[in-house]
Amino acid sequence: MKKVLFAVVIALVAVGCASKKTAYQGDKEVTIPCTGAEYQSTSKVFRAHGMGYSNDMQIAKSKALINARAELATSISATLKRVADNYASSYQMGENEEAKSKFQDLARLVVNQELQGSVIICDKMMKTPGGQFRSYVVVELGGAELANKIANAVKDNDKLRIDYEYEKFKKVFEEEMSKME
């Protein structure tokens, strides 16, 4: 009886493994340029990927850059929101929602200005068998430089400067950046 039960279990396992194998039999791995650990955000830089596809090479590249910068803006915006929330709660600025909102608006303005200065660290152009172009890019923006520009913008704003301490902000910013690794 034990031998029969053992044989049934082995048969079921073999059938299960075989069915999984056939379900993915036609799949092929796709290698995407400009991907991997060296193209991910770190505690020092924000990085984002973009892909563009077009019959025109330049349009494909423009689309890729637009997509990468949009992804970069989203990542930075989310990080800065966490920084503002943590800074506010940690350093009692949170009681002043107006200051927090003004800080976030100012940070967003600085980010929008800085995105044009993002650096392309990977740029690959592919041509499909059909003659179309596929562009892959990775853009990067330094975290420390961004934090300094936001700090300078805050220092220039009289109302925000009262509620703001650069060293404390920098510490919270660096803590958020270190979570990316």
C-alpha atoms as a PDB file:
ATOM      1  CA  MET A   1       0.000   0.000   0.000  1.00  0.00           C
ATOM      2  CA  LYS A   2       2.801   2.391   0.910  1.00  0.00           C
ATOM      3  CA  LYS A   3       4.559   1.621  -2.373  1.00  0.00           C
ATOM      4  CA  VAL A   4       1.406   2.369  -4.370  1.00  0.00           C
ATOM      5  CA  LEU A   5       0.824   5.645  -2.487  1.00  0.00           C
ATOM      6  CA  PHE A   6       4.472   6.613  -3.005  1.00  0.00           C
ATOM      7  CA  ALA A   7       4.196   5.840  -6.745  1.00  0.00           C
ATOM      8  CA  VAL A   8       1.028   7.971  -7.032  1.00  0.00           C
ATOM      9  CA  VAL A   9       2.716  10.919  -5.290  1.00  0.00           C
ATOM     10  CA  ILE A  10       5.766  10.640  -7.576  1.00  0.00           C
ATOM     11  CA  ALA A  11       3.483  10.482 -10.644  1.00  0.00           C
ATOM     12  CA  LEU A  12       1.538  13.574  -9.515  1.00  0.00           C
ATOM     13  CA  VAL A  13       4.743  15.529  -8.926  1.00  0.00           C
ATOM     14  CA  ALA A  14       6.079  14.502 -12.338  1.00  0.00           C
ATOM     15  CA  VAL A  15       2.827  15.538 -14.053  1.00  0.00           C
ATOM     16  CA  GLY A  16       2.836  18.856 -12.188  1.00  0.00           C
ATOM     17  CA  CYS A  17       6.424  19.598 -13.223  1.00  0.00           C
ATOM     18  CA  ALA A  18       5.766  18.578 -16.813  1.00  0.00           C
ATOM     19  CA  SER A  19       2.675  20.796 -17.070  1.00  0.00           C
ATOM     20  CA  LYS A  20       4.625  23.803 -15.790  1.00  0.00           C
ATOM     21  CA  LYS A  21       7.351  23.133 -18.321  1.00  0.00           C
ATOM     22  CA  THR A  22       4.931  23.006 -21.257  1.00  0.00           C
ATOM     23  CA  ALA A  23       3.030  26.116 -20.124  1.00  0.00           C
ATOM     24  CA  TYR A  24       6.171  28.237 -20.642  1.00  0.00           C
ATOM     25  CA  GLN A  25       7.742  26.254 -23.458  1.00  0.00           C
ATOM     26  CA  GLY A  26       7.295  28.992 -26.098  1.00  0.00           C
ATOM     27  CA  ASP A  27       8.601  31.831 -23.909  1.00  0.00           C
ATOM     28  CA  LYS A  28      11.909  33.441 -24.791  1.00  0.00           C
ATOM     29  CA  GLU A  29      13.955  35.647 -22.523  1.00  0.00           C
ATOM     30  CA  VAL A  30      14.249  39.237 -23.700  1.00  0.00           C
ATOM     31  CA  THR A  31      17.421  41.190 -23.045  1.00  0.00           C
ATOM     32  CA  ILE A  32      16.681  44.868 -22.473  1.00  0.00           C
ATOM     33  CA  PRO A  33      19.571  47.291 -22.969  1.00  0.00           C
ATOM     34  CA  CYS A  34      20.515  49.724 -20.198  1.00  0.00           C
ATOM     35  CA  THR A  35      19.174  47.575 -17.367  1.00  0.00           C
ATOM     36  CA  GLY A  36      20.816  45.933 -14.394  1.00  0.00           C
ATOM     37  CA  ALA A  37      22.159  46.926 -11.023  1.00  0.00           C
ATOM     38  CA  GLU A  38      24.513  49.587 -12.405  1.00  0.00           C
ATOM     39  CA  TYR A  39      21.486  51.496 -13.781  1.00  0.00           C
ATOM     40  CA  GLN A  40      19.412  51.544 -10.569  1.00  0.00           C
ATOM     41  CA  SER A  41      19.018  54.483  -8.192  1.00  0.00           C
ATOM     42  CA  THR A  42      21.434  54.520  -5.281  1.00  0.00           C
ATOM     43  CA  SER A  43      21.902  56.541  -2.120  1.00  0.00           C
ATOM     44  CA  LYS A  44      23.840  59.103  -4.187  1.00  0.00           C
ATOM     45  CA  VAL A  45      21.864  59.381  -7.453  1.00  0.00           C
ATOM     46  CA  PHE A  46      18.377  59.067  -8.837  1.00  0.00           C
ATOM     47  CA  ARG A  47      18.214  57.017 -12.055  1.00  0.00           C
ATOM     48  CA  ALA A  48      15.365  56.209 -14.414  1.00  0.00           C
ATOM     49  CA  HIS A  49      14.876  54.184 -17.598  1.00  0.00           C
ATOM     50  CA  GLY A  50      13.003  55.141 -20.727  1.00  0.00           C
ATOM     51  CA  MET A  51      12.154  53.462 -24.004  1.00  0.00           C
ATOM     52  CA  GLY A  52      10.893  55.050 -27.197  1.00  0.00           C
ATOM     53  CA  TYR A  53       9.711  53.440 -30.405  1.00  0.00           C
ATOM     54  CA  SER A  54       9.213  55.097 -33.791  1.00  0.00           C
ATOM     55  CA  ASN A  55       9.845  54.931 -37.519  1.00  0.00           C
ATOM     56  CA  ASP A  56      12.104  57.971 -37.034  1.00  0.00           C
ATOM     57  CA  MET A  57      15.320  57.534 -35.039  1.00  0.00           C
ATOM     58  CA  GLN A  58      15.218  61.003 -33.435  1.00  0.00           C
ATOM     59  CA  ILE A  59      11.579  60.655 -32.418  1.00  0.00           C
ATOM     60  CA  ALA A  60      12.351  57.288 -30.818  1.00  0.00           C
ATOM     61  CA  LYS A  61      15.169  58.899 -28.811  1.00  0.00           C
ATOM     62  CA  SER A  62      12.999  61.886 -27.817  1.00  0.00           C
ATOM     63  CA  LYS A  63      10.264  59.549 -26.601  1.00  0.00           C
ATOM     64  CA  ALA A  64      12.784  57.551 -24.582  1.00  0.00           C
ATOM     65  CA  LEU A  65      14.140  60.727 -22.936  1.00  0.00           C
ATOM     66  CA  ILE A  66      10.661  62.015 -22.150  1.00  0.00           C
ATOM     67  CA  ASN A  67       9.715  58.675 -20.589  1.00  0.00           C
ATOM     68  CA  ALA A  68      12.940  58.473 -18.569  1.00  0.00           C
ATOM     69  CA  ARG A  69      12.623  62.040 -17.274  1.00  0.00           C
ATOM     70  CA  ALA A  70       8.971  61.458 -16.355  1.00  0.00           C
ATOM     71  CA  GLU A  71       9.976  58.353 -14.401  1.00  0.00           C
ATOM     72  CA  LEU A  72      12.819  60.317 -12.781  1.00  0.00           C
ATOM     73  CA  ALA A  73      10.439  63.120 -11.774  1.00  0.00           C
ATOM     74  CA  THR A  74       8.012  60.618 -10.242  1.00  0.00           C
ATOM     75  CA  SER A  75      10.760  58.929  -8.233  1.00  0.00           C
ATOM     76  CA  ILE A  76      12.203  62.219  -6.992  1.00  0.00           C
ATOM     77  CA  SER A  77       8.763  63.595  -6.171  1.00  0.00           C
ATOM     78  CA  ALA A  78       7.883  60.531  -4.092  1.00  0.00           C
ATOM     79  CA  THR A  79      11.207  60.727  -2.252  1.00  0.00           C
ATOM     80  CA  LEU A  80      10.836  64.438  -1.555  1.00  0.00           C
ATOM     81  CA  LYS A  81       7.302  63.935  -0.256  1.00  0.00           C
ATOM     82  CA  ARG A  82       8.628  61.343   2.202  1.00  0.00           C
ATOM     83  CA  VAL A  83      11.469  63.712   3.139  1.00  0.00           C
ATOM     84  CA  ALA A  84       9.028  66.575   3.750  1.00  0.00           C
ATOM     85  CA  ASP A  85       6.707  64.351   5.797  1.00  0.00           C
ATOM     86  CA  ASN A  86       9.557  62.888   7.864  1.00  0.00           C
ATOM     87  CA  TYR A  87      11.250  66.260   8.308  1.00  0.00           C
ATOM     88  CA  ALA A  88       7.980  67.814   9.411  1.00  0.00           C
ATOM     89  CA  SER A  89       7.156  65.083  11.905  1.00  0.00           C
ATOM     90  CA  SER A  90      10.713  64.773  13.215  1.00  0.00           C
ATOM     91  CA  TYR A  91      11.394  68.443  13.681  1.00  0.00           C
ATOM     92  CA  GLN A  92       8.012  69.835  14.646  1.00  0.00           C
ATOM     93  CA  MET A  93       7.540  71.756  11.426  1.00  0.00           C
ATOM     94  CA  GLY A  94       4.488  69.528  10.914  1.00  0.00           C
ATOM     95  CA  GLU A  95       2.303  71.838  12.953  1.00  0.00           C
ATOM     96  CA  ASN A  96       2.611  74.351  10.142  1.00  0.00           C
ATOM     97  CA  GLU A  97       0.913  72.690   7.147  1.00  0.00           C
ATOM     98  CA  GLU A  98       1.325  75.857   5.111  1.00  0.00           C
ATOM     99  CA  ALA A  99       5.128  75.693   5.468  1.00  0.00           C
ATOM    100  CA  LYS A 100       5.117  72.007   4.537  1.00  0.00           C
ATOM    101  CA  SER A 101       2.986  72.666   1.462  1.00  0.00           C
ATOM    102  CA  LYS A 102       5.184  75.597   0.404  1.00  0.00           C
ATOM    103  CA  PHE A 103       8.278  73.436   0.842  1.00  0.00           C
ATOM    104  CA  GLN A 104       6.807  70.701  -1.382  1.00  0.00           C
ATOM    105  CA  ASP A 105       5.808  73.254  -4.050  1.00  0.00           C
ATOM    106  CA  LEU A 106       9.274  74.808  -3.986  1.00  0.00           C
ATOM    107  CA  ALA A 107      10.944  71.391  -4.174  1.00  0.00           C
ATOM    108  CA  ARG A 108       8.737  70.472  -7.147  1.00  0.00           C
ATOM    109  CA  LEU A 109       9.764  73.677  -8.937  1.00  0.00           C
ATOM    110  CA  VAL A 110      13.471  72.950  -8.359  1.00  0.00           C
ATOM    111  CA  VAL A 111      13.043  69.354  -9.563  1.00  0.00           C
ATOM    112  CA  ASN A 112      11.323  70.511 -12.763  1.00  0.00           C
ATOM    113  CA  GLN A 113      14.198  72.908 -13.446  1.00  0.00           C
ATOM    114  CA  GLU A 114      16.829  70.262 -12.716  1.00  0.00           C
ATOM    115  CA  LEU A 115      15.307  67.502 -14.846  1.00  0.00           C
ATOM    116  CA  GLN A 116      16.540  69.215 -17.990  1.00  0.00           C
ATOM    117  CA  GLY A 117      20.049  68.921 -16.553  1.00  0.00           C
ATOM    118  CA  SER A 118      19.792  65.183 -15.984  1.00  0.00           C
ATOM    119  CA  VAL A 119      22.667  63.214 -17.458  1.00  0.00           C
ATOM    120  CA  ILE A 120      22.250  60.329 -19.899  1.00  0.00           C
ATOM    121  CA  ILE A 121      24.336  57.419 -18.591  1.00  0.00           C
ATOM    122  CA  CYS A 122      23.187  54.788 -21.068  1.00  0.00           C
ATOM    123  CA  ASP A 123      21.965  55.281 -24.623  1.00  0.00           C
ATOM    124  CA  LYS A 124      21.254  52.364 -26.976  1.00  0.00           C
ATOM    125  CA  MET A 125      19.493  52.497 -30.335  1.00  0.00           C
ATOM    126  CA  MET A 126      18.097  49.353 -31.932  1.00  0.00           C
ATOM    127  CA  LYS A 127      16.612  48.827 -35.378  1.00  0.00           C
ATOM    128  CA  THR A 128      13.856  46.250 -35.656  1.00  0.00           C
ATOM    129  CA  PRO A 129      13.616  43.809 -38.581  1.00  0.00           C
ATOM    130  CA  GLY A 130      10.710  45.970 -39.810  1.00  0.00           C
ATOM    131  CA  GLY A 131      12.962  49.031 -40.047  1.00  0.00           C
ATOM    132  CA  GLN A 132      11.649  50.859 -36.966  1.00  0.00           C
ATOM    133  CA  PHE A 133      13.796  52.275 -34.206  1.00  0.00           C
ATOM    134  CA  ARG A 134      13.740  51.449 -30.522  1.00  0.00           C
ATOM    135  CA  SER A 135      15.709  53.720 -28.198  1.00  0.00           C
ATOM    136  CA  TYR A 136      16.697  52.863 -24.632  1.00  0.00           C
ATOM    137  CA  VAL A 137      18.091  55.483 -22.247  1.00  0.00           C
ATOM    138  CA  VAL A 138      18.890  55.832 -18.575  1.00  0.00           C
ATOM    139  CA  VAL A 139      19.104  59.299 -17.045  1.00  0.00           C
ATOM    140  CA  GLU A 140      20.598  60.252 -13.722  1.00  0.00           C
ATOM    141  CA  LEU A 141      20.402  63.211 -11.369  1.00  0.00           C
ATOM    142  CA  GLY A 142      22.658  63.595  -8.339  1.00  0.00           C
ATOM    143  CA  GLY A 143      20.884  63.510  -4.998  1.00  0.00           C
ATOM    144  CA  ALA A 144      23.327  65.782  -3.137  1.00  0.00           C
ATOM    145  CA  GLU A 145      23.203  68.458  -5.846  1.00  0.00           C
ATOM    146  CA  LEU A 146      19.411  68.337  -5.819  1.00  0.00           C
ATOM    147  CA  ALA A 147      19.281  68.641  -2.026  1.00  0.00           C
ATOM    148  CA  ASN A 148      21.632  71.648  -2.163  1.00  0.00           C
ATOM    149  CA  LYS A 149      19.525  73.394  -4.817  1.00  0.00           C
ATOM    150  CA  ILE A 150      16.366  72.833  -2.794  1.00  0.00           C
ATOM    151  CA  ALA A 151      18.153  74.148   0.316  1.00  0.00           C
ATOM    152  CA  ASN A 152      19.257  77.274  -1.545  1.00  0.00           C
ATOM    153  CA  ALA A 153      15.728  77.848  -2.843  1.00  0.00           C
ATOM    154  CA  VAL A 154      14.362  77.509   0.695  1.00  0.00           C
ATOM    155  CA  LYS A 155      16.974  79.940   2.050  1.00  0.00           C
ATOM    156  CA  ASP A 156      15.797  82.489  -0.506  1.00  0.00           C
ATOM    157  CA  ASN A 157      12.216  82.193   0.759  1.00  0.00           C
ATOM    158  CA  ASP A 158      11.827  84.293   3.945  1.00  0.00           C
ATOM    159  CA  LYS A 159       8.744  82.462   5.200  1.00  0.00           C
ATOM    160  CA  LEU A 160      10.211  78.961   4.745  1.00  0.00           C
ATOM    161  CA  ARG A 161      13.628  79.856   6.101  1.00  0.00           C
ATOM    162  CA  ILE A 162      12.088  80.393   9.557  1.00  0.00           C
ATOM    163  CA  ASP A 163      10.864  76.769   9.737  1.00  0.00           C
ATOM    164  CA  TYR A 164      13.820  75.202   8.040  1.00  0.00           C
ATOM    165  CA  GLU A 165      17.174  73.895   9.255  1.00  0.00           C
ATOM    166  CA  TYR A 166      19.470  72.687   6.472  1.00  0.00           C
ATOM    167  CA  GLU A 167      21.465  70.114   8.434  1.00  0.00           C
ATOM    168  CA  LYS A 168      18.311  68.454   9.722  1.00  0.00           C
ATOM    169  CA  PHE A 169      16.780  68.462   6.237  1.00  0.00           C
ATOM    170  CA  LYS A 170      19.975  67.018   4.746  1.00  0.00           C
ATOM    171  CA  LYS A 171      19.993  64.226   7.347  1.00  0.00           C
ATOM    172  CA  VAL A 172      16.391  63.246   6.552  1.00  0.00           C
ATOM    173  CA  PHE A 173      17.103  63.485   2.802  1.00  0.00           C
ATOM    174  CA  GLU A 174      20.145  61.197   3.105  1.00  0.00           C
ATOM    175  CA  GLU A 175      18.139  58.693   5.152  1.00  0.00           C
ATOM    176  CA  GLU A 176      15.519  58.510   2.393  1.00  0.00           C
ATOM    177  CA  MET A 177      18.199  58.181  -0.303  1.00  0.00           C
ATOM    178  CA  SER A 178      19.852  55.305   1.581  1.00  0.00           C
ATOM    179  CA  LYS A 179      16.573  53.361   1.439  1.00  0.00           C
ATOM    180  CA  MET A 180      16.998  53.088  -2.354  1.00  0.00           C
ATOM    181  CA  GLU A 181      19.909  50.655  -2.124  1.00  0.00           C
END
